[in-house]
Amino acid sequence: MKTLILTQNKASLYQYKLLATFALALTLWLTIPNWLQPYPHITFADPGIWHLILLGMLLWLLTQALSTYLFHKTLIVLGFPTIKTLILEFNTLTTWQKYILYYVLFTLWWLTLLLCLMAIL
């Protein structure tokens, strides 16, 4: 299994890419009504659907950026090692240890999903 090496340059490039995508989606949000005005048949039922799609993209990008920032700050505050060190430690595990870890994480994910659904209902 190859080792994932994250450097500061790649992380900052990822942040700039995320920011550029967010800026592009925000620009589309502001210009899409002007583009669709001469073509009412393109919008099918309502031009607001395009805005809802872009709003979903903007909120997803914002959530992704915020969760990444909070994850890194949490690691720093709790005194955990960097992501690079955690990945290197994961690669030293044996196959059955990795399998158990995957199984435990999947179970936690499944329980979180069920608890979220119960909270909604």
N, C-alpha and C. Protein backbone atom coordinates (compact mmCIF):
# COMPACT_ATOMS: atom_id res chain seq x y z
N MET A 1 0.84 -1.16 0.00
CA MET A 1 0.00 0.00 0.00
C MET A 1 0.90 1.24 0.00
N LYS A 2 0.59 2.19 -0.84
CA LYS A 2 1.40 3.39 -0.92
C LYS A 2 1.10 4.32 0.24
N THR A 3 2.11 5.07 0.62
CA THR A 3 1.96 6.02 1.71
C THR A 3 1.52 7.35 1.14
N LEU A 4 0.51 7.93 1.75
CA LEU A 4 0.03 9.24 1.35
C LEU A 4 0.84 10.29 2.09
N ILE A 5 1.53 11.12 1.33
CA ILE A 5 2.35 12.16 1.92
C ILE A 5 1.70 13.50 1.62
N LEU A 6 1.24 14.17 2.67
CA LEU A 6 0.63 15.48 2.52
C LEU A 6 1.65 16.54 2.94
N THR A 7 1.89 17.47 2.07
CA THR A 7 2.77 18.57 2.41
C THR A 7 1.96 19.83 2.52
N GLN A 8 2.57 20.85 3.05
CA GLN A 8 1.87 22.13 3.22
C GLN A 8 1.49 22.71 1.87
N ASN A 9 2.31 22.52 0.85
CA ASN A 9 2.00 23.08 -0.46
C ASN A 9 0.74 22.45 -1.05
N LYS A 10 0.61 21.14 -0.94
CA LYS A 10 -0.57 20.48 -1.49
C LYS A 10 -1.82 20.88 -0.72
N ALA A 11 -1.71 21.03 0.58
CA ALA A 11 -2.87 21.43 1.37
C ALA A 11 -3.30 22.85 1.02
N SER A 12 -2.34 23.74 0.83
CA SER A 12 -2.70 25.12 0.49
C SER A 12 -3.26 25.20 -0.93
N LEU A 13 -2.74 24.36 -1.85
CA LEU A 13 -3.31 24.32 -3.19
C LEU A 13 -4.74 23.83 -3.16
N TYR A 14 -5.03 22.86 -2.29
CA TYR A 14 -6.39 22.36 -2.15
C TYR A 14 -7.31 23.47 -1.65
N GLN A 15 -6.84 24.27 -0.71
CA GLN A 15 -7.65 25.36 -0.18
C GLN A 15 -7.91 26.41 -1.26
N TYR A 16 -6.91 26.73 -2.08
CA TYR A 16 -7.11 27.70 -3.15
C TYR A 16 -8.08 27.16 -4.21
N LYS A 17 -7.99 25.88 -4.49
CA LYS A 17 -8.90 25.25 -5.45
C LYS A 17 -10.33 25.29 -4.93
N LEU A 18 -10.49 25.01 -3.65
CA LEU A 18 -11.81 25.07 -3.02
C LEU A 18 -12.35 26.50 -3.05
N LEU A 19 -11.49 27.48 -2.77
CA LEU A 19 -11.90 28.87 -2.79
C LEU A 19 -12.26 29.32 -4.21
N ALA A 20 -11.50 28.88 -5.21
CA ALA A 20 -11.80 29.24 -6.59
C ALA A 20 -13.12 28.63 -7.05
N THR A 21 -13.39 27.40 -6.66
CA THR A 21 -14.66 26.76 -7.00
C THR A 21 -15.82 27.48 -6.33
N PHE A 22 -15.63 27.88 -5.08
CA PHE A 22 -16.66 28.63 -4.36
C PHE A 22 -16.92 29.98 -5.04
N ALA A 23 -15.85 30.66 -5.46
CA ALA A 23 -16.00 31.95 -6.14
C ALA A 23 -16.72 31.78 -7.48
N LEU A 24 -16.40 30.72 -8.21
CA LEU A 24 -17.07 30.46 -9.49
C LEU A 24 -18.56 30.19 -9.27
N ALA A 25 -18.89 29.39 -8.28
CA ALA A 25 -20.30 29.09 -8.00
C ALA A 25 -21.05 30.35 -7.55
N LEU A 26 -20.39 31.19 -6.77
CA LEU A 26 -21.02 32.44 -6.34
C LEU A 26 -21.24 33.38 -7.52
N THR A 27 -20.29 33.43 -8.44
CA THR A 27 -20.45 34.24 -9.64
C THR A 27 -21.60 33.71 -10.50
N LEU A 28 -21.69 32.41 -10.63
CA LEU A 28 -22.81 31.82 -11.37
C LEU A 28 -24.14 32.14 -10.70
N TRP A 29 -24.14 32.14 -9.37
CA TRP A 29 -25.36 32.46 -8.63
C TRP A 29 -25.86 33.86 -9.00
N LEU A 30 -24.93 34.79 -9.18
CA LEU A 30 -25.33 36.17 -9.47
C LEU A 30 -25.66 36.39 -10.95
N THR A 31 -25.07 35.62 -11.84
CA THR A 31 -25.26 35.87 -13.27
C THR A 31 -26.27 34.95 -13.95
N ILE A 32 -26.65 33.87 -13.31
CA ILE A 32 -27.52 32.90 -13.99
C ILE A 32 -28.91 33.46 -14.33
N PRO A 33 -29.51 34.35 -13.54
CA PRO A 33 -30.81 34.88 -13.98
C PRO A 33 -30.72 35.68 -15.28
N ASN A 34 -29.64 36.41 -15.47
CA ASN A 34 -29.46 37.18 -16.70
C ASN A 34 -29.24 36.27 -17.91
N TRP A 35 -28.58 35.15 -17.70
CA TRP A 35 -28.33 34.22 -18.81
C TRP A 35 -29.60 33.48 -19.21
N LEU A 36 -30.45 33.15 -18.26
CA LEU A 36 -31.63 32.34 -18.55
C LEU A 36 -32.85 33.16 -18.94
N GLN A 37 -32.79 34.47 -18.78
CA GLN A 37 -33.95 35.30 -19.07
C GLN A 37 -34.40 35.22 -20.53
N PRO A 38 -33.51 35.24 -21.53
CA PRO A 38 -34.00 35.15 -22.92
C PRO A 38 -34.45 33.75 -23.33
N TYR A 39 -34.14 32.72 -22.53
CA TYR A 39 -34.46 31.34 -22.89
C TYR A 39 -35.36 30.71 -21.82
N PRO A 40 -36.64 31.01 -21.81
CA PRO A 40 -37.50 30.45 -20.75
C PRO A 40 -37.74 28.95 -20.89
N HIS A 41 -37.57 28.39 -22.10
CA HIS A 41 -37.81 26.96 -22.28
C HIS A 41 -36.69 26.11 -21.71
N ILE A 42 -35.50 26.68 -21.46
CA ILE A 42 -34.38 25.92 -20.90
C ILE A 42 -34.64 25.59 -19.43
N THR A 43 -35.31 26.46 -18.76
CA THR A 43 -35.45 26.30 -17.31
C THR A 43 -36.52 25.29 -16.92
N PHE A 44 -37.20 24.68 -17.87
CA PHE A 44 -38.25 23.70 -17.62
C PHE A 44 -39.37 24.33 -16.80
N ALA A 45 -39.46 24.07 -15.53
CA ALA A 45 -40.58 24.55 -14.74
C ALA A 45 -40.31 25.91 -14.11
N ASP A 46 -39.14 26.08 -13.56
CA ASP A 46 -38.88 27.29 -12.79
C ASP A 46 -37.39 27.61 -12.84
N PRO A 47 -37.02 28.87 -13.11
CA PRO A 47 -35.58 29.21 -13.09
C PRO A 47 -34.97 29.09 -11.70
N GLY A 48 -35.79 29.05 -10.68
CA GLY A 48 -35.27 28.93 -9.32
C GLY A 48 -34.62 27.58 -9.04
N ILE A 49 -34.92 26.58 -9.87
CA ILE A 49 -34.30 25.27 -9.68
C ILE A 49 -32.79 25.36 -9.87
N TRP A 50 -32.36 26.14 -10.85
CA TRP A 50 -30.92 26.31 -11.06
C TRP A 50 -30.28 26.98 -9.85
N HIS A 51 -31.01 27.92 -9.25
CA HIS A 51 -30.49 28.56 -8.05
C HIS A 51 -30.40 27.57 -6.89
N LEU A 52 -31.35 26.68 -6.77
CA LEU A 52 -31.30 25.69 -5.70
C LEU A 52 -30.12 24.73 -5.89
N ILE A 53 -29.83 24.36 -7.12
CA ILE A 53 -28.68 23.49 -7.39
C ILE A 53 -27.39 24.21 -7.01
N LEU A 54 -27.27 25.47 -7.42
CA LEU A 54 -26.07 26.23 -7.06
C LEU A 54 -25.98 26.48 -5.56
N LEU A 55 -27.11 26.71 -4.93
CA LEU A 55 -27.10 26.90 -3.48
C LEU A 55 -26.62 25.63 -2.77
N GLY A 56 -27.06 24.48 -3.25
CA GLY A 56 -26.57 23.22 -2.68
C GLY A 56 -25.08 23.06 -2.86
N MET A 57 -24.56 23.42 -4.03
CA MET A 57 -23.11 23.33 -4.26
C MET A 57 -22.35 24.28 -3.35
N LEU A 58 -22.85 25.51 -3.22
CA LEU A 58 -22.18 26.50 -2.36
C LEU A 58 -22.16 26.04 -0.90
N LEU A 59 -23.28 25.53 -0.42
CA LEU A 59 -23.33 25.08 0.96
C LEU A 59 -22.46 23.85 1.19
N TRP A 60 -22.39 22.96 0.20
CA TRP A 60 -21.52 21.79 0.33
C TRP A 60 -20.05 22.22 0.39
N LEU A 61 -19.65 23.14 -0.47
CA LEU A 61 -18.26 23.62 -0.45
C LEU A 61 -17.95 24.33 0.86
N LEU A 62 -18.88 25.14 1.34
CA LEU A 62 -18.68 25.84 2.59
C LEU A 62 -18.58 24.86 3.76
N THR A 63 -19.42 23.85 3.76
CA THR A 63 -19.37 22.84 4.82
C THR A 63 -18.07 22.05 4.77
N GLN A 64 -17.61 21.72 3.58
CA GLN A 64 -16.36 20.99 3.44
C GLN A 64 -15.18 21.81 3.94
N ALA A 65 -15.13 23.07 3.59
CA ALA A 65 -14.04 23.93 4.04
C ALA A 65 -14.07 24.12 5.55
N LEU A 66 -15.26 24.32 6.10
CA LEU A 66 -15.39 24.52 7.54
C LEU A 66 -15.02 23.26 8.32
N SER A 67 -15.45 22.11 7.86
CA SER A 67 -15.14 20.87 8.57
C SER A 67 -13.64 20.55 8.51
N THR A 68 -13.00 20.84 7.38
CA THR A 68 -11.56 20.63 7.28
C THR A 68 -10.82 21.54 8.24
N TYR A 69 -11.23 22.80 8.30
CA TYR A 69 -10.60 23.76 9.21
C TYR A 69 -10.79 23.33 10.66
N LEU A 70 -12.01 22.95 11.03
CA LEU A 70 -12.27 22.54 12.40
C LEU A 70 -11.53 21.25 12.77
N PHE A 71 -11.39 20.33 11.81
CA PHE A 71 -10.67 19.09 12.07
C PHE A 71 -9.20 19.38 12.38
N HIS A 72 -8.59 20.25 11.58
CA HIS A 72 -7.17 20.57 11.81
C HIS A 72 -6.99 21.32 13.14
N LYS A 73 -7.90 22.24 13.45
CA LYS A 73 -7.80 22.96 14.72
C LYS A 73 -8.01 22.01 15.90
N THR A 74 -8.91 21.05 15.77
CA THR A 74 -9.14 20.09 16.84
C THR A 74 -7.91 19.23 17.08
N LEU A 75 -7.26 18.80 16.00
CA LEU A 75 -6.03 18.03 16.15
C LEU A 75 -4.96 18.83 16.88
N ILE A 76 -4.86 20.10 16.56
CA ILE A 76 -3.84 20.94 17.20
C ILE A 76 -4.17 21.14 18.68
N VAL A 77 -5.42 21.45 18.99
CA VAL A 77 -5.82 21.72 20.37
C VAL A 77 -5.66 20.48 21.24
N LEU A 78 -6.05 19.32 20.73
CA LEU A 78 -5.97 18.09 21.51
C LEU A 78 -4.56 17.51 21.58
N GLY A 79 -3.65 18.07 20.80
CA GLY A 79 -2.27 17.62 20.84
C GLY A 79 -2.00 16.34 20.07
N PHE A 80 -2.88 16.00 19.14
CA PHE A 80 -2.66 14.83 18.31
C PHE A 80 -1.58 15.11 17.28
N PRO A 81 -0.97 14.07 16.76
CA PRO A 81 0.03 14.29 15.70
C PRO A 81 -0.63 14.75 14.41
N THR A 82 0.18 15.12 13.46
CA THR A 82 -0.32 15.61 12.18
C THR A 82 -0.95 14.47 11.38
N ILE A 83 -1.65 14.83 10.34
CA ILE A 83 -2.30 13.83 9.48
C ILE A 83 -1.25 12.92 8.86
N LYS A 84 -0.13 13.49 8.47
CA LYS A 84 0.93 12.71 7.84
C LYS A 84 1.40 11.60 8.79
N THR A 85 1.58 11.93 10.05
CA THR A 85 2.01 10.94 11.03
C THR A 85 0.94 9.88 11.26
N LEU A 86 -0.32 10.31 11.31
CA LEU A 86 -1.40 9.34 11.50
C LEU A 86 -1.49 8.35 10.34
N ILE A 87 -1.29 8.84 9.13
CA ILE A 87 -1.33 7.95 7.97
C ILE A 87 -0.15 6.99 7.98
N LEU A 88 1.03 7.48 8.37
CA LEU A 88 2.19 6.59 8.45
C LEU A 88 1.98 5.52 9.51
N GLU A 89 1.36 5.87 10.63
CA GLU A 89 1.07 4.89 11.67
C GLU A 89 0.03 3.87 11.19
N PHE A 90 -0.94 4.33 10.41
CA PHE A 90 -1.94 3.41 9.88
C PHE A 90 -1.30 2.39 8.95
N ASN A 91 -0.32 2.81 8.18
CA ASN A 91 0.32 1.89 7.24
C ASN A 91 1.19 0.85 7.95
N THR A 92 1.53 1.08 9.21
CA THR A 92 2.31 0.07 9.94
C THR A 92 1.43 -1.03 10.53
N LEU A 93 0.12 -0.86 10.51
CA LEU A 93 -0.78 -1.89 11.04
C LEU A 93 -0.78 -3.12 10.14
N THR A 94 -1.06 -4.24 10.74
CA THR A 94 -1.18 -5.46 9.95
C THR A 94 -2.53 -5.47 9.24
N THR A 95 -2.71 -6.43 8.35
CA THR A 95 -3.92 -6.48 7.55
C THR A 95 -5.16 -6.69 8.41
N TRP A 96 -5.08 -7.60 9.39
CA TRP A 96 -6.26 -7.85 10.20
C TRP A 96 -6.59 -6.66 11.08
N GLN A 97 -5.58 -5.89 11.53
CA GLN A 97 -5.84 -4.69 12.32
C GLN A 97 -6.53 -3.62 11.47
N LYS A 98 -6.13 -3.50 10.22
CA LYS A 98 -6.78 -2.57 9.32
C LYS A 98 -8.23 -2.99 9.06
N TYR A 99 -8.43 -4.29 8.91
CA TYR A 99 -9.77 -4.81 8.69
C TYR A 99 -10.68 -4.50 9.87
N ILE A 100 -10.18 -4.73 11.08
CA ILE A 100 -10.96 -4.44 12.29
C ILE A 100 -11.25 -2.95 12.38
N LEU A 101 -10.28 -2.11 12.06
CA LEU A 101 -10.48 -0.67 12.11
C LEU A 101 -11.53 -0.23 11.10
N TYR A 102 -11.48 -0.76 9.89
CA TYR A 102 -12.51 -0.46 8.89
C TYR A 102 -13.89 -0.89 9.38
N TYR A 103 -13.96 -2.07 9.99
CA TYR A 103 -15.23 -2.59 10.49
C TYR A 103 -15.78 -1.70 11.60
N VAL A 104 -14.93 -1.27 12.51
CA VAL A 104 -15.36 -0.40 13.61
C VAL A 104 -15.82 0.95 13.08
N LEU A 105 -15.08 1.53 12.14
CA LEU A 105 -15.46 2.83 11.58
C LEU A 105 -16.76 2.73 10.79
N PHE A 106 -16.95 1.64 10.07
CA PHE A 106 -18.19 1.46 9.34
C PHE A 106 -19.36 1.33 10.31
N THR A 107 -19.16 0.62 11.41
CA THR A 107 -20.22 0.46 12.41
C THR A 107 -20.55 1.81 13.04
N LEU A 108 -19.53 2.60 13.35
CA LEU A 108 -19.79 3.94 13.90
C LEU A 108 -20.54 4.81 12.91
N TRP A 109 -20.16 4.72 11.65
CA TRP A 109 -20.85 5.50 10.62
C TRP A 109 -22.31 5.07 10.52
N TRP A 110 -22.55 3.78 10.56
CA TRP A 110 -23.91 3.26 10.46
C TRP A 110 -24.76 3.69 11.66
N LEU A 111 -24.19 3.63 12.85
CA LEU A 111 -24.91 4.07 14.04
C LEU A 111 -25.20 5.57 14.00
N THR A 112 -24.26 6.35 13.51
CA THR A 112 -24.48 7.79 13.36
C THR A 112 -25.60 8.05 12.39
N LEU A 113 -25.63 7.32 11.31
CA LEU A 113 -26.71 7.47 10.33
C LEU A 113 -28.06 7.15 10.95
N LEU A 114 -28.13 6.07 11.70
CA LEU A 114 -29.39 5.69 12.34
C LEU A 114 -29.83 6.72 13.38
N LEU A 115 -28.89 7.24 14.14
CA LEU A 115 -29.23 8.24 15.15
C LEU A 115 -29.71 9.55 14.49
N CYS A 116 -29.11 9.92 13.37
CA CYS A 116 -29.57 11.11 12.65
C CYS A 116 -30.98 10.91 12.11
N LEU A 117 -31.25 9.72 11.59
CA LEU A 117 -32.60 9.44 11.10
C LEU A 117 -33.61 9.43 12.24
N MET A 118 -33.22 8.90 13.40
CA MET A 118 -34.12 8.92 14.54
C MET A 118 -34.37 10.34 15.04
N ALA A 119 -33.37 11.19 14.95
CA ALA A 119 -33.54 12.58 15.36
C ALA A 119 -34.49 13.33 14.42
N ILE A 120 -34.45 12.96 13.16
CA ILE A 120 -35.34 13.61 12.19
C ILE A 120 -36.78 13.15 12.41
N LEU A 121 -36.95 11.86 12.65
CA LEU A 121 -38.29 11.32 12.85
C LEU A 121 -38.79 11.67 14.22
